[in-house]
C-alpha atoms as a PDB file:
ATOM      1  CA  MET A   1       0.224   1.025  25.691  1.00  0.00           C
ATOM      2  CA  LEU A   2       0.923   0.832  21.973  1.00  0.00           C
ATOM      3  CA  ARG A   3       3.674  -1.608  21.053  1.00  0.00           C
ATOM      4  CA  THR A   4       3.226  -2.423  17.352  1.00  0.00           C
ATOM      5  CA  LEU A   5       2.481  -0.012  14.491  1.00  0.00           C
ATOM      6  CA  ILE A   6       1.196  -1.522  11.248  1.00  0.00           C
ATOM      7  CA  PHE A   7       1.959   0.620   8.203  1.00  0.00           C
ATOM      8  CA  ASP A   8       0.407   0.471   4.788  1.00  0.00           C
ATOM      9  CA  TRP A   9       2.947   1.353   2.078  1.00  0.00           C
ATOM     10  CA  ASP A  10       1.434   2.812  -1.105  1.00  0.00           C
ATOM     11  CA  GLY A  11      -0.255   6.123  -0.392  1.00  0.00           C
ATOM     12  CA  THR A  12       1.021   6.114   3.189  1.00  0.00           C
ATOM     13  CA  LEU A  13       4.801   6.254   2.819  1.00  0.00           C
ATOM     14  CA  HIS A  14       5.346   5.683  -0.908  1.00  0.00           C
ATOM     15  CA  ASN A  15       3.904   7.940  -3.630  1.00  0.00           C
ATOM     16  CA  THR A  16       2.909   5.220  -6.065  1.00  0.00           C
ATOM     17  CA  ARG A  17       1.956   7.626  -8.838  1.00  0.00           C
ATOM     18  CA  ALA A  18       5.610   7.927  -9.849  1.00  0.00           C
ATOM     19  CA  LEU A  19       5.600   4.280 -10.941  1.00  0.00           C
ATOM     20  CA  TYR A  20       2.049   3.152 -11.572  1.00  0.00           C
ATOM     21  CA  GLY A  21       0.846   5.242 -14.494  1.00  0.00           C
ATOM     22  CA  GLY A  22       3.536   4.175 -16.946  1.00  0.00           C
ATOM     23  CA  ALA A  23       3.355   0.550 -15.817  1.00  0.00           C
ATOM     24  CA  PHE A  24      -0.416   0.431 -16.219  1.00  0.00           C
ATOM     25  CA  ARG A  25      -0.330   2.080 -19.631  1.00  0.00           C
ATOM     26  CA  ALA A  26       2.201  -0.515 -20.836  1.00  0.00           C
ATOM     27  CA  ALA A  27      -0.158  -3.302 -19.772  1.00  0.00           C
ATOM     28  CA  TYR A  28      -3.168  -1.577 -21.309  1.00  0.00           C
ATOM     29  CA  SER A  29      -1.302  -1.087 -24.599  1.00  0.00           C
ATOM     30  CA  TRP A  30      -0.632  -4.824 -24.624  1.00  0.00           C
ATOM     31  CA  LEU A  31      -4.362  -5.474 -24.199  1.00  0.00           C
ATOM     32  CA  VAL A  32      -5.165  -3.044 -27.035  1.00  0.00           C
ATOM     33  CA  GLU A  33      -2.634  -4.720 -29.338  1.00  0.00           C
ATOM     34  CA  ALA A  34      -4.153  -8.094 -28.442  1.00  0.00           C
ATOM     35  CA  GLY A  35      -7.595  -6.820 -29.433  1.00  0.00           C
ATOM     36  CA  GLN A  36      -8.889  -7.077 -25.867  1.00  0.00           C
ATOM     37  CA  ALA A  37      -9.457  -3.394 -25.085  1.00  0.00           C
ATOM     38  CA  PRO A  38     -10.374  -0.173 -26.930  1.00  0.00           C
ATOM     39  CA  ALA A  39      -7.582   2.297 -27.590  1.00  0.00           C
ATOM     40  CA  ARG A  40      -7.509   5.146 -25.083  1.00  0.00           C
ATOM     41  CA  ARG A  41      -5.079   6.775 -22.655  1.00  0.00           C
ATOM     42  CA  TYR A  42      -5.689   6.856 -18.915  1.00  0.00           C
ATOM     43  CA  THR A  43      -4.292   9.745 -16.913  1.00  0.00           C
ATOM     44  CA  ASP A  44      -2.509   9.285 -13.585  1.00  0.00           C
ATOM     45  CA  GLU A  45      -5.429  11.020 -11.896  1.00  0.00           C
ATOM     46  CA  GLU A  46      -7.941   8.544 -13.358  1.00  0.00           C
ATOM     47  CA  LEU A  47      -5.808   5.644 -12.174  1.00  0.00           C
ATOM     48  CA  SER A  48      -5.445   6.908  -8.612  1.00  0.00           C
ATOM     49  CA  VAL A  49      -8.663   5.178  -7.568  1.00  0.00           C
ATOM     50  CA  TYR A  50      -6.931   1.820  -8.073  1.00  0.00           C
ATOM     51  CA  LEU A  51      -3.830   2.616  -6.027  1.00  0.00           C
ATOM     52  CA  GLY A  52      -3.607   0.642  -2.807  1.00  0.00           C
ATOM     53  CA  ILE A  53      -6.003  -2.043  -4.071  1.00  0.00           C
ATOM     54  CA  ASN A  54      -4.566  -5.507  -4.599  1.00  0.00           C
ATOM     55  CA  ALA A  55      -3.820  -6.481  -8.188  1.00  0.00           C
ATOM     56  CA  ARG A  56      -6.447  -9.216  -8.388  1.00  0.00           C
ATOM     57  CA  GLU A  57      -9.235  -6.950  -7.180  1.00  0.00           C
ATOM     58  CA  MET A  58      -8.040  -4.065  -9.348  1.00  0.00           C
ATOM     59  CA  TRP A  59      -8.220  -5.989 -12.615  1.00  0.00           C
ATOM     60  CA  LYS A  60     -11.494  -7.648 -11.680  1.00  0.00           C
ATOM     61  CA  ASN A  61     -13.045  -4.229 -11.072  1.00  0.00           C
ATOM     62  CA  PHE A  62     -11.389  -2.524 -14.023  1.00  0.00           C
ATOM     63  CA  MET A  63     -12.150  -5.132 -16.705  1.00  0.00           C
ATOM     64  CA  PRO A  64     -14.638  -7.653 -15.295  1.00  0.00           C
ATOM     65  CA  GLY A  65     -15.241  -9.177 -18.734  1.00  0.00           C
ATOM     66  CA  LEU A  66     -11.592 -10.074 -19.276  1.00  0.00           C
ATOM     67  CA  SER A  67     -10.545 -13.682 -18.801  1.00  0.00           C
ATOM     68  CA  GLN A  68      -8.537 -14.498 -15.693  1.00  0.00           C
ATOM     69  CA  GLU A  69      -5.596 -15.544 -17.874  1.00  0.00           C
ATOM     70  CA  LEU A  70      -5.478 -12.123 -19.559  1.00  0.00           C
ATOM     71  CA  ARG A  71      -5.963 -10.304 -16.254  1.00  0.00           C
ATOM     72  CA  ASP A  72      -3.041 -12.232 -14.790  1.00  0.00           C
ATOM     73  CA  ARG A  73      -0.800 -11.380 -17.733  1.00  0.00           C
ATOM     74  CA  ALA A  74      -1.737  -7.696 -17.638  1.00  0.00           C
ATOM     75  CA  SER A  75      -1.125  -7.671 -13.900  1.00  0.00           C
ATOM     76  CA  ALA A  76       2.266  -9.294 -14.421  1.00  0.00           C
ATOM     77  CA  ILE A  77       3.256  -6.592 -16.918  1.00  0.00           C
ATOM     78  CA  VAL A  78       2.352  -3.890 -14.400  1.00  0.00           C
ATOM     79  CA  GLY A  79       4.306  -5.667 -11.679  1.00  0.00           C
ATOM     80  CA  GLU A  80       7.383  -6.192 -13.856  1.00  0.00           C
ATOM     81  CA  ARG A  81       7.410  -2.549 -14.977  1.00  0.00           C
ATOM     82  CA  MET A  82       7.028  -1.258 -11.429  1.00  0.00           C
ATOM     83  CA  VAL A  83       9.820  -3.432 -10.067  1.00  0.00           C
ATOM     84  CA  ALA A  84      12.049  -2.263 -12.924  1.00  0.00           C
ATOM     85  CA  GLY A  85      11.165   1.322 -12.020  1.00  0.00           C
ATOM     86  CA  ILE A  86      12.115   0.783  -8.383  1.00  0.00           C
ATOM     87  CA  LYS A  87      15.469  -0.720  -9.351  1.00  0.00           C
ATOM     88  CA  ALA A  88      16.067   2.203 -11.717  1.00  0.00           C
ATOM     89  CA  GLY A  89      15.576   4.657  -8.845  1.00  0.00           C
ATOM     90  CA  ARG A  90      12.191   6.045  -9.889  1.00  0.00           C
ATOM     91  CA  ALA A  91      10.323   5.148  -6.690  1.00  0.00           C
ATOM     92  CA  ILE A  92       9.546   8.205  -4.553  1.00  0.00           C
ATOM     93  CA  LEU A  93       8.700   8.363  -0.870  1.00  0.00           C
ATOM     94  CA  TYR A  94       6.562  11.200   0.433  1.00  0.00           C
ATOM     95  CA  PRO A  95       8.696  14.079   1.746  1.00  0.00           C
ATOM     96  CA  GLY A  96       9.680  13.380   5.323  1.00  0.00           C
ATOM     97  CA  ALA A  97       8.747   9.682   5.247  1.00  0.00           C
ATOM     98  CA  GLU A  98      12.158   8.366   6.262  1.00  0.00           C
ATOM     99  CA  GLU A  99      12.533  11.017   8.952  1.00  0.00           C
ATOM    100  CA  ALA A 100       9.110  10.120  10.367  1.00  0.00           C
ATOM    101  CA  LEU A 101       9.990   6.415  10.410  1.00  0.00           C
ATOM    102  CA  GLU A 102      13.292   7.132  12.135  1.00  0.00           C
ATOM    103  CA  GLU A 103      11.589   9.268  14.769  1.00  0.00           C
ATOM    104  CA  ILE A 104       8.875   6.707  15.458  1.00  0.00           C
ATOM    105  CA  LYS A 105      11.327   3.803  15.513  1.00  0.00           C
ATOM    106  CA  SER A 106      13.601   5.641  17.958  1.00  0.00           C
ATOM    107  CA  GLU A 107      10.726   5.779  20.444  1.00  0.00           C
ATOM    108  CA  GLY A 108      10.734   2.001  20.818  1.00  0.00           C
ATOM    109  CA  TYR A 109       7.812   0.873  18.686  1.00  0.00           C
ATOM    110  CA  ARG A 110       7.815  -2.256  16.549  1.00  0.00           C
ATOM    111  CA  LEU A 111       6.964  -1.386  12.946  1.00  0.00           C
ATOM    112  CA  VAL A 112       5.266  -3.804  10.557  1.00  0.00           C
ATOM    113  CA  PHE A 113       4.945  -3.375   6.764  1.00  0.00           C
ATOM    114  CA  LEU A 114       1.576  -4.643   5.440  1.00  0.00           C
ATOM    115  CA  SER A 115       0.700  -3.955   1.810  1.00  0.00           C
ATOM    116  CA  ASN A 116      -1.796  -5.048  -0.835  1.00  0.00           C
ATOM    117  CA  CYS A 117       1.149  -5.746  -3.129  1.00  0.00           C
ATOM    118  CA  LYS A 118       3.078  -8.592  -4.668  1.00  0.00           C
ATOM    119  CA  ARG A 119       6.185 -10.024  -3.040  1.00  0.00           C
ATOM    120  CA  ALA A 120       8.617  -8.929  -5.783  1.00  0.00           C
ATOM    121  CA  TYR A 121       7.368  -5.345  -5.440  1.00  0.00           C
ATOM    122  CA  MET A 122       7.710  -5.422  -1.664  1.00  0.00           C
ATOM    123  CA  GLU A 123      11.194  -6.909  -1.776  1.00  0.00           C
ATOM    124  CA  ALA A 124      12.363  -4.390  -4.380  1.00  0.00           C
ATOM    125  CA  HIS A 125      11.267  -1.515  -2.141  1.00  0.00           C
ATOM    126  CA  ARG A 126      12.741  -3.241   0.897  1.00  0.00           C
ATOM    127  CA  GLU A 127      16.147  -3.453  -0.744  1.00  0.00           C
ATOM    128  CA  TRP A 128      16.159  -0.075  -2.486  1.00  0.00           C
ATOM    129  CA  PHE A 129      15.149   1.959   0.568  1.00  0.00           C
ATOM    130  CA  GLY A 130      16.849  -0.233   3.172  1.00  0.00           C
ATOM    131  CA  LEU A 131      13.543  -0.766   4.954  1.00  0.00           C
ATOM    132  CA  ASP A 132      14.952  -3.291   7.418  1.00  0.00           C
ATOM    133  CA  ARG A 133      16.273  -0.238   9.278  1.00  0.00           C
ATOM    134  CA  TYR A 134      12.697   0.572  10.241  1.00  0.00           C
ATOM    135  CA  PHE A 135      10.468  -2.473   9.905  1.00  0.00           C
ATOM    136  CA  ASP A 136      10.541  -5.594  12.056  1.00  0.00           C
ATOM    137  CA  GLY A 137       8.174  -7.583   9.813  1.00  0.00           C
ATOM    138  CA  PHE A 138       7.067  -7.574   6.173  1.00  0.00           C
ATOM    139  CA  TYR A 139       3.702  -8.850   4.902  1.00  0.00           C
ATOM    140  CA  CYS A 140       2.180  -8.651   1.410  1.00  0.00           C
ATOM    141  CA  CYS A 141      -1.199  -9.895   0.268  1.00  0.00           C
ATOM    142  CA  GLU A 142       0.229 -12.079  -2.515  1.00  0.00           C
ATOM    143  CA  ASP A 143       1.684 -14.366   0.158  1.00  0.00           C
ATOM    144  CA  TYR A 144      -1.861 -14.918   1.442  1.00  0.00           C
ATOM    145  CA  ASP A 145      -3.620 -15.398  -1.909  1.00  0.00           C
ATOM    146  CA  PHE A 146      -4.745 -11.741  -1.997  1.00  0.00           C
ATOM    147  CA  ILE A 147      -7.092 -11.976   0.984  1.00  0.00           C
ATOM    148  CA  PRO A 148      -8.084  -8.698   2.703  1.00  0.00           C
ATOM    149  CA  LYS A 149      -5.640  -7.115   5.119  1.00  0.00           C
ATOM    150  CA  LYS A 150      -8.047  -7.630   8.004  1.00  0.00           C
ATOM    151  CA  ASP A 151      -7.705 -11.373   7.425  1.00  0.00           C
ATOM    152  CA  ILE A 152      -3.894 -11.164   7.277  1.00  0.00           C
ATOM    153  CA  PHE A 153      -3.759  -9.368  10.621  1.00  0.00           C
ATOM    154  CA  PRO A 154      -4.015 -12.566  12.748  1.00  0.00           C
ATOM    155  CA  HIS A 155      -0.758 -13.726  11.126  1.00  0.00           C
ATOM    156  CA  VAL A 156       0.865 -10.466  12.196  1.00  0.00           C
ATOM    157  CA  ALA A 157      -0.503 -10.833  15.718  1.00  0.00           C
ATOM    158  CA  GLU A 158       0.995 -14.317  16.012  1.00  0.00           C
ATOM    159  CA  THR A 159       4.487 -12.823  15.752  1.00  0.00           C
ATOM    160  CA  PHE A 160       4.231  -9.268  17.030  1.00  0.00           C
ATOM    161  CA  PRO A 161       2.695  -8.245  20.361  1.00  0.00           C
ATOM    162  CA  GLY A 162      -0.007  -5.618  20.795  1.00  0.00           C
ATOM    163  CA  ASP A 163      -1.507  -3.181  21.459  1.00  0.00           C
ATOM    164  CA  TYR A 164      -1.656  -2.104  17.819  1.00  0.00           C
ATOM    165  CA  LEU A 165      -2.132   0.971  15.663  1.00  0.00           C
ATOM    166  CA  MET A 166      -3.047   0.737  11.952  1.00  0.00           C
ATOM    167  CA  ILE A 167      -1.823   3.530   9.663  1.00  0.00           C
ATOM    168  CA  GLY A 168      -3.029   3.782   6.057  1.00  0.00           C
ATOM    169  CA  ASP A 169      -4.858   5.766   3.399  1.00  0.00           C
ATOM    170  CA  ARG A 170      -7.508   3.391   2.014  1.00  0.00           C
ATOM    171  CA  ASN A 171     -10.630   1.744   3.401  1.00  0.00           C
ATOM    172  CA  SER A 172      -8.878  -1.655   3.393  1.00  0.00           C
ATOM    173  CA  ASP A 173      -6.436  -0.257   5.972  1.00  0.00           C
ATOM    174  CA  LEU A 174      -9.075   1.234   8.223  1.00  0.00           C
ATOM    175  CA  ALA A 175     -11.243  -1.892   7.838  1.00  0.00           C
ATOM    176  CA  LEU A 176      -8.428  -3.900   9.435  1.00  0.00           C
ATOM    177  CA  GLY A 177      -8.431  -1.590  12.419  1.00  0.00           C
ATOM    178  CA  PHE A 178     -12.202  -1.563  12.782  1.00  0.00           C
ATOM    179  CA  ALA A 179     -12.494  -5.347  12.436  1.00  0.00           C
ATOM    180  CA  HIS A 180     -10.000  -5.995  15.220  1.00  0.00           C
ATOM    181  CA  GLY A 181     -10.713  -3.061  17.505  1.00  0.00           C
ATOM    182  CA  LEU A 182      -7.405  -1.305  16.803  1.00  0.00           C
ATOM    183  CA  LYS A 183      -6.642   2.384  16.907  1.00  0.00           C
ATOM    184  CA  THR A 184      -6.292   3.877  13.431  1.00  0.00           C
ATOM    185  CA  ILE A 185      -4.686   6.802  11.631  1.00  0.00           C
ATOM    186  CA  ALA A 186      -6.003   7.748   8.192  1.00  0.00           C
ATOM    187  CA  CYS A 187      -3.566   9.383   5.768  1.00  0.00           C
ATOM    188  CA  ALA A 188      -5.481  12.114   3.952  1.00  0.00           C
ATOM    189  CA  TYR A 189      -2.537  12.892   1.636  1.00  0.00           C
ATOM    190  CA  GLY A 190      -2.746   9.441   0.017  1.00  0.00           C
ATOM    191  CA  PHE A 191      -5.159   7.978  -2.523  1.00  0.00           C
ATOM    192  CA  GLY A 192      -8.299   7.432  -0.488  1.00  0.00           C
ATOM    193  CA  ALA A 193     -11.434   9.566  -0.333  1.00  0.00           C
ATOM    194  CA  PRO A 194     -12.842  11.250   2.799  1.00  0.00           C
ATOM    195  CA  ALA A 195     -15.600   8.646   3.118  1.00  0.00           C
ATOM    196  CA  GLU A 196     -12.908   5.982   3.525  1.00  0.00           C
ATOM    197  CA  TRP A 197     -11.441   7.698   6.602  1.00  0.00           C
ATOM    198  CA  GLU A 198     -14.650   8.000   8.644  1.00  0.00           C
ATOM    199  CA  GLY A 199     -14.219   6.647  12.143  1.00  0.00           C
ATOM    200  CA  ALA A 200     -10.413   6.912  12.227  1.00  0.00           C
ATOM    201  CA  ASP A 201      -8.888   7.944  15.545  1.00  0.00           C
ATOM    202  CA  GLY A 202      -6.458  10.338  13.862  1.00  0.00           C
ATOM    203  CA  LEU A 203      -6.145  12.093  10.505  1.00  0.00           C
ATOM    204  CA  ALA A 204      -2.720  12.914   9.045  1.00  0.00           C
ATOM    205  CA  ARG A 205      -2.522  15.652   6.420  1.00  0.00           C
ATOM    206  CA  SER A 206       1.157  14.899   5.777  1.00  0.00           C
ATOM    207  CA  VAL A 207       3.715  12.234   6.671  1.00  0.00           C
ATOM    208  CA  ALA A 208       5.351  14.720   9.046  1.00  0.00           C
ATOM    209  CA  GLU A 209       2.250  14.602  11.254  1.00  0.00           C
ATOM    210  CA  LEU A 210       2.517  10.844  11.877  1.00  0.00           C
ATOM    211  CA  PRO A 211       4.968  10.880  14.836  1.00  0.00           C
ATOM    212  CA  GLY A 212       2.838  13.383  16.730  1.00  0.00           C
ATOM    213  CA  LEU A 213      -0.363  11.435  16.084  1.00  0.00           C
ATOM    214  CA  VAL A 214       1.279   8.214  17.223  1.00  0.00           C
ATOM    215  CA  ARG A 215       2.270   9.885  20.511  1.00  0.00           C
ATOM    216  CA  LYS A 216      -1.229  11.294  20.915  1.00  0.00           C
ATOM    217  CA  LEU A 217      -2.821   7.864  20.513  1.00  0.00           C
ATOM    218  CA  ALA A 218      -0.232   5.929  22.539  1.00  0.00           C
END
């Protein structure tokens, strides 16, 4: 019987596009002004491929020739801008996200937040949306030196009992489930591509479908 549900955040409950585009473009403008990148403007759609990927991996993939020092500074600009956006009320959850969490929580499951994000970002969301109402534990990859989620899972398992269900939109979420033999729900409304969801036990087309899929897989 399922006891613990592990939720990704960006692309699963939170629509990151509302914050990320402007934050990224601020960092990229800084790189252009520093003579480290050619002038151009990236659209939100172009940037969607990087959503849900940890900051270290994102910058390594996006600008592999950039020094680590410059990557870290650009990443910090993105993080600072996104946290400021959260505190200014610009963060947006997918429609029905809070209702789905309330419904699932009321059925007695333990909910765990696990994101490829930085701690300041996680804590800003936690405070702004009052996430302690829903989640029993909070984990972010920065606290574990940006290792993959599948390698963070044993730390979750030390505290929270199984059986488990992993819910997320990117291959890093499903990879956790596959690596540890967990049931999985792929969120097709997020930022992943269909190839990333292959092998999932359930496929959600909207947040509203999550409670029903959880019951089906319990």
